[in-house]
């Protein structure tokens, strides 16, 4: 998604601009990486592994948005961006 498209989401209220925070970014990346590693565990059910992978991708996508100075108003917006 381009900066212009992200700025359009700000205009519609789906995203807010907010300075990035290094600690928040680090926490989101750490959370995403841990969940990705857990998603590889064969001793977990397929459903659990899917949930872990889904939440990992959300954490990493949110980290990217936050790094660029955006905060979504709803969880699903992260995946649209």
Protein backbone atom coordinates (compact mmCIF):
# COMPACT_ATOMS: atom_id res chain seq x y z
CA UNK A 1 0.00 0.00 0.00
CA UNK A 2 1.36 3.42 -0.90
CA UNK A 3 1.76 6.36 1.46
CA UNK A 4 -1.05 8.10 -0.42
CA UNK A 5 -3.38 5.16 0.20
CA UNK A 6 -2.45 5.12 3.88
CA UNK A 7 -3.06 8.87 4.08
CA UNK A 8 -6.48 8.32 2.50
CA UNK A 9 -7.27 5.88 5.33
CA UNK A 10 -6.31 8.63 7.77
CA UNK A 11 -8.80 10.96 6.07
CA UNK A 12 -11.57 8.36 6.47
CA UNK A 13 -10.67 7.72 10.12
CA UNK A 14 -9.53 4.13 9.63
CA UNK A 15 -5.97 5.07 10.57
CA UNK A 16 -4.64 7.71 12.89
CA UNK A 17 -1.21 9.26 12.72
CA UNK A 18 0.86 8.78 15.83
CA UNK A 19 4.63 8.85 16.23
CA UNK A 20 6.19 5.41 16.33
CA UNK A 21 7.53 4.07 19.58
CA UNK A 22 10.66 1.91 19.52
CA UNK A 23 9.62 -0.16 22.55
CA UNK A 24 6.18 -0.86 21.07
CA UNK A 25 7.74 -1.79 17.73
CA UNK A 26 10.26 -4.11 19.40
CA UNK A 27 7.49 -5.76 21.43
CA UNK A 28 5.33 -6.35 18.36
CA UNK A 29 8.23 -7.84 16.38
CA UNK A 30 9.19 -10.06 19.31
CA UNK A 31 5.59 -11.21 19.71
CA UNK A 32 5.32 -11.99 16.00
CA UNK A 33 8.56 -13.97 15.93
CA UNK A 34 7.67 -16.02 19.02
CA UNK A 35 4.26 -16.88 17.60
CA UNK A 36 5.76 -17.87 14.25
CA UNK A 37 8.16 -20.22 15.99
CA UNK A 38 5.30 -21.72 18.04
CA UNK A 39 3.23 -22.16 14.87
CA UNK A 40 5.87 -24.62 13.64
CA UNK A 41 5.27 -27.00 16.56
CA UNK A 42 3.93 -30.32 15.31
CA UNK A 43 2.56 -31.21 18.76
CA UNK A 44 -0.11 -28.48 18.47
CA UNK A 45 -3.39 -28.86 16.66
CA UNK A 46 -3.71 -27.43 13.18
CA UNK A 47 -6.21 -24.89 14.52
CA UNK A 48 -3.79 -23.71 17.21
CA UNK A 49 -0.99 -23.45 14.70
CA UNK A 50 -3.19 -21.43 12.37
CA UNK A 51 -4.17 -19.07 15.21
CA UNK A 52 -0.52 -18.58 16.11
CA UNK A 53 0.48 -17.87 12.51
CA UNK A 54 -2.46 -15.49 12.05
CA UNK A 55 -1.61 -13.56 15.22
CA UNK A 56 2.07 -13.49 14.25
CA UNK A 57 1.24 -11.96 10.89
CA UNK A 58 -1.00 -9.40 12.59
CA UNK A 59 1.72 -8.42 15.07
CA UNK A 60 4.32 -8.01 12.32
CA UNK A 61 1.98 -6.06 10.04
CA UNK A 62 1.01 -3.80 12.95
CA UNK A 63 4.69 -3.29 13.74
CA UNK A 64 5.23 -2.08 10.16
CA UNK A 65 2.32 0.35 10.40
CA UNK A 66 3.46 1.66 13.77
CA UNK A 67 7.01 2.08 12.45
CA UNK A 68 5.60 4.31 9.70
CA UNK A 69 3.60 6.36 12.23
CA UNK A 70 0.10 4.95 11.79
CA UNK A 71 -2.30 3.37 14.27
CA UNK A 72 -5.38 1.48 13.01
CA UNK A 73 -8.83 1.99 14.53
CA UNK A 74 -9.74 -1.70 14.13
CA UNK A 75 -7.83 -4.95 14.01
CA UNK A 76 -8.90 -5.96 10.49
CA UNK A 77 -7.58 -2.71 8.98
CA UNK A 78 -4.04 -3.94 9.64
CA UNK A 79 -4.45 -6.72 7.07
CA UNK A 80 -6.01 -4.39 4.52
CA UNK A 81 -2.98 -2.15 4.72
